[in-house]
């Protein structure tokens, strides 16, 4: 029998619900930890163009782009990053 557990990727955890920090602070700390900035790659530009052609206009702010770039590293569970992004958007809307 094939052992699938050895090939499963182990993700780092993100405490997206840490109430001692804002989502902004958590995202900035993750970006700093991994040396990630808010740069936009050619692939990001292409994906944005495709989204616009499909009728969706997606514009990420600098913090969202940093989070997306952290996600590209493949170190964290996408669900945690999505929850952190949702929290960031909620906090942004409440200000």
PDB file of N, CA and C in Angstrom:
ATOM      1  N   UNK A   1       0.839  -1.183   0.000  1.00  0.00           N
ATOM      2  CA  UNK A   1       0.000   0.000   0.000  1.00  0.00           C
ATOM      3  C   UNK A   1       0.885   1.247   0.000  1.00  0.00           C
ATOM      4  N   UNK A   2       0.502   2.229  -0.779  1.00  0.00           N
ATOM      5  CA  UNK A   2       1.261   3.462  -0.899  1.00  0.00           C
ATOM      6  C   UNK A   2       1.001   4.350   0.304  1.00  0.00           C
ATOM      7  N   UNK A   3       2.062   4.820   0.931  1.00  0.00           N
ATOM      8  CA  UNK A   3       1.951   5.703   2.090  1.00  0.00           C
ATOM      9  C   UNK A   3       1.880   7.149   1.607  1.00  0.00           C
ATOM     10  N   UNK A   4       0.695   7.740   1.630  1.00  0.00           N
ATOM     11  CA  UNK A   4       0.508   9.101   1.143  1.00  0.00           C
ATOM     12  C   UNK A   4       0.914  10.148   2.177  1.00  0.00           C
ATOM     13  N   UNK A   5       1.009   9.773   3.429  1.00  0.00           N
ATOM     14  CA  UNK A   5       1.307  10.758   4.469  1.00  0.00           C
ATOM     15  C   UNK A   5       2.692  11.360   4.297  1.00  0.00           C
ATOM     16  N   UNK A   6       3.635  10.593   3.782  1.00  0.00           N
ATOM     17  CA  UNK A   6       4.988  11.120   3.633  1.00  0.00           C
ATOM     18  C   UNK A   6       5.077  12.165   2.528  1.00  0.00           C
ATOM     19  N   UNK A   7       4.155  12.134   1.570  1.00  0.00           N
ATOM     20  CA  UNK A   7       4.206  13.095   0.472  1.00  0.00           C
ATOM     21  C   UNK A   7       3.316  14.316   0.713  1.00  0.00           C
ATOM     22  N   UNK A   8       2.512  14.285   1.772  1.00  0.00           N
ATOM     23  CA  UNK A   8       1.655  15.431   2.056  1.00  0.00           C
ATOM     24  C   UNK A   8       2.490  16.582   2.588  1.00  0.00           C
ATOM     25  N   UNK A   9       2.231  17.764   2.094  1.00  0.00           N
ATOM     26  CA  UNK A   9       2.985  18.943   2.497  1.00  0.00           C
ATOM     27  C   UNK A   9       2.541  19.387   3.886  1.00  0.00           C
ATOM     28  N   UNK A  10       3.501  19.657   4.715  1.00  0.00           N
ATOM     29  CA  UNK A  10       3.231  20.177   6.049  1.00  0.00           C
ATOM     30  C   UNK A  10       3.332  21.699   6.002  1.00  0.00           C
ATOM     31  N   UNK A  11       2.227  22.372   6.282  1.00  0.00           N
ATOM     32  CA  UNK A  11       2.194  23.827   6.225  1.00  0.00           C
ATOM     33  C   UNK A  11       2.523  24.436   7.576  1.00  0.00           C
ATOM     34  N   UNK A  12       3.110  25.622   7.541  1.00  0.00           N
ATOM     35  CA  UNK A  12       3.275  26.414   8.748  1.00  0.00           C
ATOM     36  C   UNK A  12       1.903  26.955   9.122  1.00  0.00           C
ATOM     37  N   UNK A  13       1.707  27.247  10.377  1.00  0.00           N
ATOM     38  CA  UNK A  13       0.409  27.770  10.801  1.00  0.00           C
ATOM     39  C   UNK A  13       0.458  29.291  10.915  1.00  0.00           C
ATOM     40  N   UNK A  14      -0.673  29.893  10.673  1.00  0.00           N
ATOM     41  CA  UNK A  14      -0.846  31.333  10.835  1.00  0.00           C
ATOM     42  C   UNK A  14      -1.939  31.513  11.874  1.00  0.00           C
ATOM     43  N   UNK A  15      -1.623  32.215  12.938  1.00  0.00           N
ATOM     44  CA  UNK A  15      -2.660  32.493  13.935  1.00  0.00           C
ATOM     45  C   UNK A  15      -3.428  33.724  13.477  1.00  0.00           C
ATOM     46  N   UNK A  16      -4.299  33.506  12.484  1.00  0.00           N
ATOM     47  CA  UNK A  16      -5.042  34.607  11.874  1.00  0.00           C
ATOM     48  C   UNK A  16      -6.039  35.231  12.836  1.00  0.00           C
ATOM     49  N   UNK A  17      -6.333  34.553  13.916  1.00  0.00           N
ATOM     50  CA  UNK A  17      -7.308  35.046  14.878  1.00  0.00           C
ATOM     51  C   UNK A  17      -6.638  35.631  16.126  1.00  0.00           C
ATOM     52  N   UNK A  18      -5.342  35.908  16.070  1.00  0.00           N
ATOM     53  CA  UNK A  18      -4.602  36.507  17.183  1.00  0.00           C
ATOM     54  C   UNK A  18      -5.168  37.898  17.449  1.00  0.00           C
ATOM     55  N   UNK A  19      -5.837  38.056  18.570  1.00  0.00           N
ATOM     56  CA  UNK A  19      -6.497  39.326  18.869  1.00  0.00           C
ATOM     57  C   UNK A  19      -5.555  40.371  19.471  1.00  0.00           C
ATOM     58  N   UNK A  20      -4.294  40.002  19.708  1.00  0.00           N
ATOM     59  CA  UNK A  20      -3.331  40.976  20.230  1.00  0.00           C
ATOM     60  C   UNK A  20      -2.738  41.824  19.112  1.00  0.00           C
ATOM     61  N   UNK A  21      -2.980  41.420  17.862  1.00  0.00           N
ATOM     62  CA  UNK A  21      -2.484  42.150  16.698  1.00  0.00           C
ATOM     63  C   UNK A  21      -3.615  42.320  15.691  1.00  0.00           C
ATOM     64  N   UNK A  22      -3.509  43.368  14.895  1.00  0.00           N
ATOM     65  CA  UNK A  22      -4.461  43.523  13.799  1.00  0.00           C
ATOM     66  C   UNK A  22      -4.031  42.600  12.666  1.00  0.00           C
ATOM     67  N   UNK A  23      -4.936  42.367  11.735  1.00  0.00           N
ATOM     68  CA  UNK A  23      -4.594  41.569  10.554  1.00  0.00           C
ATOM     69  C   UNK A  23      -3.462  42.232   9.786  1.00  0.00           C
ATOM     70  N   UNK A  24      -3.483  43.542   9.710  1.00  0.00           N
ATOM     71  CA  UNK A  24      -2.424  44.289   9.045  1.00  0.00           C
ATOM     72  C   UNK A  24      -1.070  43.969   9.677  1.00  0.00           C
ATOM     73  N   UNK A  25      -1.004  43.979  10.999  1.00  0.00           N
ATOM     74  CA  UNK A  25       0.255  43.685  11.686  1.00  0.00           C
ATOM     75  C   UNK A  25       0.712  42.246  11.434  1.00  0.00           C
ATOM     76  N   UNK A  26      -0.229  41.308  11.418  1.00  0.00           N
ATOM     77  CA  UNK A  26       0.112  39.908  11.165  1.00  0.00           C
ATOM     78  C   UNK A  26       0.661  39.744   9.755  1.00  0.00           C
ATOM     79  N   UNK A  27       0.003  40.369   8.781  1.00  0.00           N
ATOM     80  CA  UNK A  27       0.439  40.274   7.382  1.00  0.00           C
ATOM     81  C   UNK A  27       1.820  40.899   7.214  1.00  0.00           C
ATOM     82  N   UNK A  28       2.022  42.064   7.799  1.00  0.00           N
ATOM     83  CA  UNK A  28       3.327  42.724   7.687  1.00  0.00           C
ATOM     84  C   UNK A  28       4.424  41.880   8.340  1.00  0.00           C
ATOM     85  N   UNK A  29       4.108  41.242   9.462  1.00  0.00           N
ATOM     86  CA  UNK A  29       5.092  40.384  10.134  1.00  0.00           C
ATOM     87  C   UNK A  29       5.430  39.160   9.282  1.00  0.00           C
ATOM     88  N   UNK A  30       4.418  38.551   8.660  1.00  0.00           N
ATOM     89  CA  UNK A  30       4.670  37.409   7.780  1.00  0.00           C
ATOM     90  C   UNK A  30       5.552  37.817   6.599  1.00  0.00           C
ATOM     91  N   UNK A  31       5.240  38.964   6.015  1.00  0.00           N
ATOM     92  CA  UNK A  31       6.013  39.443   4.868  1.00  0.00           C
ATOM     93  C   UNK A  31       7.461  39.714   5.280  1.00  0.00           C
ATOM     94  N   UNK A  32       7.650  40.353   6.415  1.00  0.00           N
ATOM     95  CA  UNK A  32       9.003  40.649   6.889  1.00  0.00           C
ATOM     96  C   UNK A  32       9.761  39.359   7.205  1.00  0.00           C
ATOM     97  N   UNK A  33       9.071  38.414   7.818  1.00  0.00           N
ATOM     98  CA  UNK A  33       9.701  37.142   8.181  1.00  0.00           C
ATOM     99  C   UNK A  33      10.274  36.426   6.964  1.00  0.00           C
ATOM    100  N   UNK A  34       9.579  36.533   5.839  1.00  0.00           N
ATOM    101  CA  UNK A  34       9.978  35.805   4.637  1.00  0.00           C
ATOM    102  C   UNK A  34      10.600  36.706   3.564  1.00  0.00           C
ATOM    103  N   UNK A  35      10.837  37.971   3.903  1.00  0.00           N
ATOM    104  CA  UNK A  35      11.471  38.879   2.952  1.00  0.00           C
ATOM    105  C   UNK A  35      10.626  39.160   1.727  1.00  0.00           C
ATOM    106  N   UNK A  36       9.318  39.224   1.936  1.00  0.00           N
ATOM    107  CA  UNK A  36       8.372  39.428   0.837  1.00  0.00           C
ATOM    108  C   UNK A  36       7.921  40.887   0.826  1.00  0.00           C
ATOM    109  N   UNK A  37       7.767  41.441  -0.361  1.00  0.00           N
ATOM    110  CA  UNK A  37       7.231  42.794  -0.483  1.00  0.00           C
ATOM    111  C   UNK A  37       5.948  42.762  -1.312  1.00  0.00           C
ATOM    112  N   UNK A  38       5.502  43.927  -1.736  1.00  0.00           N
ATOM    113  CA  UNK A  38       4.235  44.017  -2.470  1.00  0.00           C
ATOM    114  C   UNK A  38       4.449  44.100  -3.973  1.00  0.00           C
ATOM    115  N   UNK A  39       5.576  43.613  -4.449  1.00  0.00           N
ATOM    116  CA  UNK A  39       5.849  43.699  -5.881  1.00  0.00           C
ATOM    117  C   UNK A  39       4.855  42.854  -6.680  1.00  0.00           C
ATOM    118  N   UNK A  40       4.583  43.320  -7.877  1.00  0.00           N
ATOM    119  CA  UNK A  40       3.644  42.652  -8.775  1.00  0.00           C
ATOM    120  C   UNK A  40       4.447  42.030  -9.913  1.00  0.00           C
ATOM    121  N   UNK A  41       4.295  40.734 -10.092  1.00  0.00           N
ATOM    122  CA  UNK A  41       5.034  40.026 -11.139  1.00  0.00           C
ATOM    123  C   UNK A  41       4.315  40.149 -12.486  1.00  0.00           C
ATOM    124  N   UNK A  42       5.005  39.751 -13.514  1.00  0.00           N
ATOM    125  CA  UNK A  42       4.390  39.734 -14.841  1.00  0.00           C
ATOM    126  C   UNK A  42       3.204  38.773 -14.870  1.00  0.00           C
ATOM    127  N   UNK A  43       3.324  37.658 -14.151  1.00  0.00           N
ATOM    128  CA  UNK A  43       2.218  36.708 -14.075  1.00  0.00           C
ATOM    129  C   UNK A  43       1.013  37.325 -13.362  1.00  0.00           C
ATOM    130  N   UNK A  44       1.269  38.129 -12.321  1.00  0.00           N
ATOM    131  CA  UNK A  44       0.181  38.835 -11.639  1.00  0.00           C
ATOM    132  C   UNK A  44      -0.532  39.777 -12.601  1.00  0.00           C
ATOM    133  N   UNK A  45       0.253  40.494 -13.403  1.00  0.00           N
ATOM    134  CA  UNK A  45      -0.335  41.424 -14.376  1.00  0.00           C
ATOM    135  C   UNK A  45      -1.179  40.670 -15.399  1.00  0.00           C
ATOM    136  N   UNK A  46      -0.661  39.546 -15.863  1.00  0.00           N
ATOM    137  CA  UNK A  46      -1.389  38.712 -16.821  1.00  0.00           C
ATOM    138  C   UNK A  46      -2.701  38.214 -16.206  1.00  0.00           C
ATOM    139  N   UNK A  47      -2.633  37.734 -14.977  1.00  0.00           N
ATOM    140  CA  UNK A  47      -3.836  37.240 -14.302  1.00  0.00           C
ATOM    141  C   UNK A  47      -4.852  38.364 -14.126  1.00  0.00           C
ATOM    142  N   UNK A  48      -4.376  39.549 -13.818  1.00  0.00           N
ATOM    143  CA  UNK A  48      -5.271  40.704 -13.705  1.00  0.00           C
ATOM    144  C   UNK A  48      -5.948  41.037 -15.017  1.00  0.00           C
ATOM    145  N   UNK A  49      -5.181  40.957 -16.084  1.00  0.00           N
ATOM    146  CA  UNK A  49      -5.752  41.200 -17.416  1.00  0.00           C
ATOM    147  C   UNK A  49      -6.816  40.156 -17.748  1.00  0.00           C
ATOM    148  N   UNK A  50      -6.539  38.903 -17.458  1.00  0.00           N
ATOM    149  CA  UNK A  50      -7.505  37.830 -17.723  1.00  0.00           C
ATOM    150  C   UNK A  50      -8.771  38.012 -16.889  1.00  0.00           C
ATOM    151  N   UNK A  51      -8.598  38.423 -15.646  1.00  0.00           N
ATOM    152  CA  UNK A  51      -9.764  38.665 -14.775  1.00  0.00           C
ATOM    153  C   UNK A  51     -10.622  39.792 -15.345  1.00  0.00           C
ATOM    154  N   UNK A  52      -9.974  40.872 -15.795  1.00  0.00           N
ATOM    155  CA  UNK A  52     -10.723  41.990 -16.378  1.00  0.00           C
ATOM    156  C   UNK A  52     -11.467  41.558 -17.634  1.00  0.00           C
ATOM    157  N   UNK A  53     -10.805  40.771 -18.478  1.00  0.00           N
ATOM    158  CA  UNK A  53     -11.457  40.292 -19.697  1.00  0.00           C
ATOM    159  C   UNK A  53     -12.648  39.389 -19.390  1.00  0.00           C
ATOM    160  N   UNK A  54     -12.590  38.722 -18.234  1.00  0.00           N
ATOM    161  CA  UNK A  54     -13.695  37.846 -17.819  1.00  0.00           C
ATOM    162  C   UNK A  54     -14.794  38.621 -17.097  1.00  0.00           C
ATOM    163  N   UNK A  55     -14.600  39.931 -16.954  1.00  0.00           N
ATOM    164  CA  UNK A  55     -15.631  40.745 -16.322  1.00  0.00           C
ATOM    165  C   UNK A  55     -15.396  41.032 -14.850  1.00  0.00           C
ATOM    166  N   UNK A  56     -14.266  40.629 -14.322  1.00  0.00           N
ATOM    167  CA  UNK A  56     -13.940  40.897 -12.923  1.00  0.00           C
ATOM    168  C   UNK A  56     -12.797  41.899 -12.872  1.00  0.00           C
ATOM    169  N   UNK A  57     -12.957  42.915 -12.075  1.00  0.00           N
ATOM    170  CA  UNK A  57     -11.890  43.896 -11.917  1.00  0.00           C
ATOM    171  C   UNK A  57     -11.336  43.753 -10.513  1.00  0.00           C
ATOM    172  N   UNK A  58     -10.178  43.144 -10.393  1.00  0.00           N
ATOM    173  CA  UNK A  58      -9.579  42.867  -9.100  1.00  0.00           C
ATOM    174  C   UNK A  58      -8.376  43.777  -8.907  1.00  0.00           C
ATOM    175  N   UNK A  59      -8.447  44.597  -7.902  1.00  0.00           N
ATOM    176  CA  UNK A  59      -7.338  45.483  -7.565  1.00  0.00           C
ATOM    177  C   UNK A  59      -6.937  45.211  -6.124  1.00  0.00           C
ATOM    178  N   UNK A  60      -5.735  44.722  -5.924  1.00  0.00           N
ATOM    179  CA  UNK A  60      -5.233  44.469  -4.582  1.00  0.00           C
ATOM    180  C   UNK A  60      -4.501  45.698  -4.076  1.00  0.00           C
ATOM    181  N   UNK A  61      -4.722  46.030  -2.802  1.00  0.00           N
ATOM    182  CA  UNK A  61      -3.906  47.093  -2.229  1.00  0.00           C
ATOM    183  C   UNK A  61      -2.543  46.505  -1.859  1.00  0.00           C
ATOM    184  N   UNK A  62      -1.654  47.323  -1.362  1.00  0.00           N
ATOM    185  CA  UNK A  62      -0.286  46.886  -1.071  1.00  0.00           C
ATOM    186  C   UNK A  62      -0.255  45.730  -0.064  1.00  0.00           C
ATOM    187  N   UNK A  63      -1.097  45.791   0.939  1.00  0.00           N
ATOM    188  CA  UNK A  63      -1.120  44.746   1.969  1.00  0.00           C
ATOM    189  C   UNK A  63      -1.651  43.440   1.391  1.00  0.00           C
ATOM    190  N   UNK A  64      -2.705  43.519   0.587  1.00  0.00           N
ATOM    191  CA  UNK A  64      -3.252  42.316  -0.048  1.00  0.00           C
ATOM    192  C   UNK A  64      -2.227  41.686  -0.993  1.00  0.00           C
ATOM    193  N   UNK A  65      -1.466  42.529  -1.707  1.00  0.00           N
ATOM    194  CA  UNK A  65      -0.438  42.002  -2.609  1.00  0.00           C
ATOM    195  C   UNK A  65       0.670  41.315  -1.811  1.00  0.00           C
ATOM    196  N   UNK A  66       1.030  41.899  -0.652  1.00  0.00           N
ATOM    197  CA  UNK A  66       2.027  41.247   0.204  1.00  0.00           C
ATOM    198  C   UNK A  66       1.521  39.882   0.655  1.00  0.00           C
ATOM    199  N   UNK A  67       0.256  39.811   1.055  1.00  0.00           N
ATOM    200  CA  UNK A  67      -0.319  38.544   1.495  1.00  0.00           C
ATOM    201  C   UNK A  67      -0.345  37.536   0.348  1.00  0.00           C
ATOM    202  N   UNK A  68      -0.692  38.002  -0.839  1.00  0.00           N
ATOM    203  CA  UNK A  68      -0.689  37.118  -2.008  1.00  0.00           C
ATOM    204  C   UNK A  68       0.722  36.590  -2.273  1.00  0.00           C
ATOM    205  N   UNK A  69       1.711  37.451  -2.117  1.00  0.00           N
ATOM    206  CA  UNK A  69       3.097  37.033  -2.347  1.00  0.00           C
ATOM    207  C   UNK A  69       3.572  36.057  -1.269  1.00  0.00           C
ATOM    208  N   UNK A  70       3.116  36.242  -0.038  1.00  0.00           N
ATOM    209  CA  UNK A  70       3.412  35.253   1.015  1.00  0.00           C
ATOM    210  C   UNK A  70       2.781  33.915   0.633  1.00  0.00           C
ATOM    211  N   UNK A  71       1.552  33.966   0.138  1.00  0.00           N
ATOM    212  CA  UNK A  71       0.859  32.747  -0.273  1.00  0.00           C
ATOM    213  C   UNK A  71       1.584  32.001  -1.378  1.00  0.00           C
ATOM    214  N   UNK A  72       2.220  32.744  -2.284  1.00  0.00           N
ATOM    215  CA  UNK A  72       2.941  32.121  -3.394  1.00  0.00           C
ATOM    216  C   UNK A  72       4.117  31.270  -2.926  1.00  0.00           C
ATOM    217  N   UNK A  73       4.591  31.528  -1.715  1.00  0.00           N
ATOM    218  CA  UNK A  73       5.705  30.737  -1.184  1.00  0.00           C
ATOM    219  C   UNK A  73       5.290  29.294  -0.915  1.00  0.00           C
ATOM    220  N   UNK A  74       3.979  29.085  -0.731  1.00  0.00           N
ATOM    221  CA  UNK A  74       3.469  27.738  -0.501  1.00  0.00           C
ATOM    222  C   UNK A  74       3.786  27.189   0.878  1.00  0.00           C
ATOM    223  N   UNK A  75       4.081  28.078   1.820  1.00  0.00           N
ATOM    224  CA  UNK A  75       4.453  27.650   3.168  1.00  0.00           C
ATOM    225  C   UNK A  75       3.264  27.527   4.112  1.00  0.00           C
ATOM    226  N   UNK A  76       2.197  28.242   3.796  1.00  0.00           N
ATOM    227  CA  UNK A  76       1.042  28.324   4.693  1.00  0.00           C
ATOM    228  C   UNK A  76      -0.190  27.724   4.042  1.00  0.00           C
ATOM    229  N   UNK A  77      -1.077  27.221   4.868  1.00  0.00           N
ATOM    230  CA  UNK A  77      -2.346  26.689   4.402  1.00  0.00           C
ATOM    231  C   UNK A  77      -3.158  27.841   3.799  1.00  0.00           C
ATOM    232  N   UNK A  78      -3.641  27.635   2.594  1.00  0.00           N
ATOM    233  CA  UNK A  78      -4.424  28.660   1.913  1.00  0.00           C
ATOM    234  C   UNK A  78      -5.669  29.073   2.673  1.00  0.00           C
ATOM    235  N   UNK A  79      -6.247  28.156   3.441  1.00  0.00           N
ATOM    236  CA  UNK A  79      -7.437  28.494   4.233  1.00  0.00           C
ATOM    237  C   UNK A  79      -7.098  29.520   5.293  1.00  0.00           C
ATOM    238  N   UNK A  80      -5.949  29.349   5.945  1.00  0.00           N
ATOM    239  CA  UNK A  80      -5.530  30.320   6.957  1.00  0.00           C
ATOM    240  C   UNK A  80      -5.295  31.686   6.335  1.00  0.00           C
ATOM    241  N   UNK A  81      -4.645  31.713   5.173  1.00  0.00           N
ATOM    242  CA  UNK A  81      -4.379  32.985   4.506  1.00  0.00           C
ATOM    243  C   UNK A  81      -5.671  33.646   4.039  1.00  0.00           C
ATOM    244  N   UNK A  82      -6.628  32.851   3.591  1.00  0.00           N
ATOM    245  CA  UNK A  82      -7.920  33.397   3.179  1.00  0.00           C
ATOM    246  C   UNK A  82      -8.657  33.986   4.368  1.00  0.00           C
ATOM    247  N   UNK A  83      -8.617  33.298   5.492  1.00  0.00           N
ATOM    248  CA  UNK A  83      -9.257  33.822   6.710  1.00  0.00           C
ATOM    249  C   UNK A  83      -8.582  35.108   7.173  1.00  0.00           C
ATOM    250  N   UNK A  84      -7.258  35.152   7.078  1.00  0.00           N
ATOM    251  CA  UNK A  84      -6.523  36.363   7.438  1.00  0.00           C
ATOM    252  C   UNK A  84      -6.891  37.502   6.501  1.00  0.00           C
ATOM    253  N   UNK A  85      -7.021  37.211   5.219  1.00  0.00           N
ATOM    254  CA  UNK A  85      -7.424  38.234   4.249  1.00  0.00           C
ATOM    255  C   UNK A  85      -8.828  38.745   4.564  1.00  0.00           C
ATOM    256  N   UNK A  86      -9.741  37.841   4.872  1.00  0.00           N
ATOM    257  CA  UNK A  86     -11.112  38.249   5.224  1.00  0.00           C
ATOM    258  C   UNK A  86     -11.105  39.137   6.466  1.00  0.00           C
ATOM    259  N   UNK A  87     -10.290  38.762   7.439  1.00  0.00           N
ATOM    260  CA  UNK A  87     -10.196  39.584   8.654  1.00  0.00           C
ATOM    261  C   UNK A  87      -9.634  40.961   8.320  1.00  0.00           C
ATOM    262  N   UNK A  88      -8.614  41.012   7.465  1.00  0.00           N
ATOM    263  CA  UNK A  88      -8.038  42.290   7.046  1.00  0.00           C
ATOM    264  C   UNK A  88      -9.108  43.167   6.388  1.00  0.00           C
ATOM    265  N   UNK A  89      -9.884  42.567   5.495  1.00  0.00           N
ATOM    266  CA  UNK A  89     -10.929  43.339   4.806  1.00  0.00           C
ATOM    267  C   UNK A  89     -11.988  43.823   5.778  1.00  0.00           C
ATOM    268  N   UNK A  90     -12.346  43.004   6.755  1.00  0.00           N
ATOM    269  CA  UNK A  90     -13.321  43.403   7.774  1.00  0.00           C
ATOM    270  C   UNK A  90     -12.786  44.573   8.594  1.00  0.00           C
ATOM    271  N   UNK A  91     -11.534  44.462   9.019  1.00  0.00           N
ATOM    272  CA  UNK A  91     -10.931  45.535   9.807  1.00  0.00           C
ATOM    273  C   UNK A  91     -10.817  46.816   8.983  1.00  0.00           C
ATOM    274  N   UNK A  92     -10.491  46.672   7.710  1.00  0.00           N
ATOM    275  CA  UNK A  92     -10.370  47.833   6.826  1.00  0.00           C
ATOM    276  C   UNK A  92     -11.719  48.532   6.661  1.00  0.00           C
ATOM    277  N   UNK A  93     -12.772  47.741   6.520  1.00  0.00           N
ATOM    278  CA  UNK A  93     -14.120  48.307   6.341  1.00  0.00           C
ATOM    279  C   UNK A  93     -14.637  48.982   7.599  1.00  0.00           C
ATOM    280  N   UNK A  94     -14.160  48.542   8.760  1.00  0.00           N
ATOM    281  CA  UNK A  94     -14.664  49.118  10.019  1.00  0.00           C
ATOM    282  C   UNK A  94     -13.954  50.412  10.394  1.00  0.00           C
ATOM    283  N   UNK A  95     -12.902  50.757   9.657  1.00  0.00           N
ATOM    284  CA  UNK A  95     -12.167  52.010   9.956  1.00  0.00           C
ATOM    285  C   UNK A  95     -12.692  53.157   9.146  1.00  0.00           C
TER     286      UNK A  95
END
